[in-house]
Amino acid sequence: MLEDLADGGTARLETRYGGFDVMTEVPAEGDFSFDALALRAKSKRFGRVRLNVVSIDDLIEMKVATHRVKDLARLPELRRIRELQKEP
């Protein structure tokens, strides 16, 4: 796993909370730099651990920008999640 990350790749971790993707870079055009994403990240608690995770808007934009079939297939679900998060 560390070798994959060292070469600029990705790693998928399976946790008791579900799958967790770790990326060292986003394979798409756009401002997906660490600094830009970090400014909009959301802090979430997973058990006793608090992590910063990419915002739903950035996640949607990254999946659109990659043009991968598996990413595009997730867009309806992600857009629905975004709608639900905005509801009072």
Protein backbone atom coordinates (compact mmCIF):
# COMPACT_ATOMS: atom_id res chain seq x y z
CA MET A 1 0.00 0.00 0.00
CA LEU A 2 2.70 2.51 0.93
CA GLU A 3 4.47 1.82 -2.36
CA ASP A 4 1.31 2.73 -4.26
CA LEU A 5 1.01 6.02 -2.38
CA ALA A 6 4.70 6.84 -2.78
CA ASP A 7 4.32 6.62 -6.56
CA GLY A 8 1.40 9.07 -6.59
CA GLY A 9 -1.26 6.39 -6.66
CA THR A 10 -4.18 5.49 -4.48
CA ALA A 11 -4.86 2.95 -1.79
CA ARG A 12 -8.12 1.42 -0.62
CA LEU A 13 -8.44 0.55 3.02
CA GLU A 14 -11.24 -1.60 4.36
CA THR A 15 -12.33 -0.55 7.84
CA ARG A 16 -15.14 -1.54 10.14
CA TYR A 17 -16.85 1.66 8.94
CA GLY A 18 -16.54 0.71 5.28
CA GLY A 19 -14.12 1.41 2.46
CA PHE A 20 -11.72 4.32 2.71
CA ASP A 21 -9.80 5.68 -0.30
CA VAL A 22 -6.48 7.44 0.20
CA MET A 23 -5.19 9.53 -2.70
CA THR A 24 -1.96 11.45 -3.05
CA GLU A 25 -3.23 13.33 -6.09
CA VAL A 26 -6.44 13.66 -8.06
CA PRO A 27 -6.13 12.35 -11.63
CA ALA A 28 -8.17 15.17 -13.20
CA GLU A 29 -7.95 18.72 -14.45
CA GLY A 30 -9.00 21.43 -12.03
CA ASP A 31 -7.90 22.96 -8.76
CA PHE A 32 -7.73 19.81 -6.69
CA SER A 33 -4.56 20.77 -4.89
CA PHE A 34 -4.22 19.73 -1.27
CA ASP A 35 -4.46 23.33 -0.09
CA ALA A 36 -7.61 24.03 -2.08
CA LEU A 37 -9.31 20.83 -0.94
CA ALA A 38 -8.23 21.32 2.68
CA LEU A 39 -9.88 24.74 2.83
CA ARG A 40 -13.24 23.18 2.01
CA ALA A 41 -12.80 19.87 3.85
CA LYS A 42 -15.23 18.78 6.54
CA SER A 43 -14.15 17.43 9.89
CA LYS A 44 -15.86 14.10 10.67
CA ARG A 45 -15.57 11.76 13.63
CA PHE A 46 -15.08 8.05 12.97
CA GLY A 47 -15.22 6.35 16.33
CA ARG A 48 -12.51 7.97 18.44
CA VAL A 49 -10.73 9.42 15.41
CA ARG A 50 -11.45 12.78 13.80
CA LEU A 51 -10.55 13.12 10.10
CA ASN A 52 -10.82 15.86 7.54
CA VAL A 53 -12.68 14.57 4.49
CA VAL A 54 -13.22 16.17 1.13
CA SER A 55 -16.44 18.17 0.82
CA ILE A 56 -19.33 16.58 -1.07
CA ASP A 57 -19.11 19.34 -3.71
CA ASP A 58 -15.41 18.67 -4.29
CA LEU A 59 -16.01 14.92 -4.40
CA ILE A 60 -18.65 15.38 -7.08
CA GLU A 61 -16.38 17.69 -9.09
CA MET A 62 -13.48 15.22 -8.87
CA LYS A 63 -15.64 12.34 -10.06
CA VAL A 64 -16.95 14.41 -12.98
CA ALA A 65 -13.42 15.51 -13.91
CA THR A 66 -11.95 11.98 -13.96
CA HIS A 67 -14.44 10.80 -16.61
CA ARG A 68 -14.18 7.25 -15.27
CA VAL A 69 -17.30 5.13 -15.74
CA LYS A 70 -17.25 3.91 -12.14
CA ASP A 71 -17.02 7.51 -10.87
CA LEU A 72 -19.74 8.82 -13.17
CA ALA A 73 -22.05 6.00 -12.03
CA ARG A 74 -21.85 7.32 -8.43
CA LEU A 75 -22.95 10.86 -9.33
CA PRO A 76 -26.73 10.43 -8.84
CA GLU A 77 -26.17 9.01 -5.36
CA LEU A 78 -23.67 11.72 -4.41
CA ARG A 79 -25.94 14.47 -5.69
CA ARG A 80 -28.81 13.06 -3.63
CA ILE A 81 -26.59 12.99 -0.54
CA ARG A 82 -25.74 16.64 -1.17
CA GLU A 83 -29.45 17.49 -1.40
CA LEU A 84 -30.17 15.67 1.85
CA GLN A 85 -27.35 17.49 3.62
CA LYS A 86 -28.84 20.85 2.66
CA GLU A 87 -32.31 20.01 3.99
CA PRO A 88 -33.15 21.47 7.40
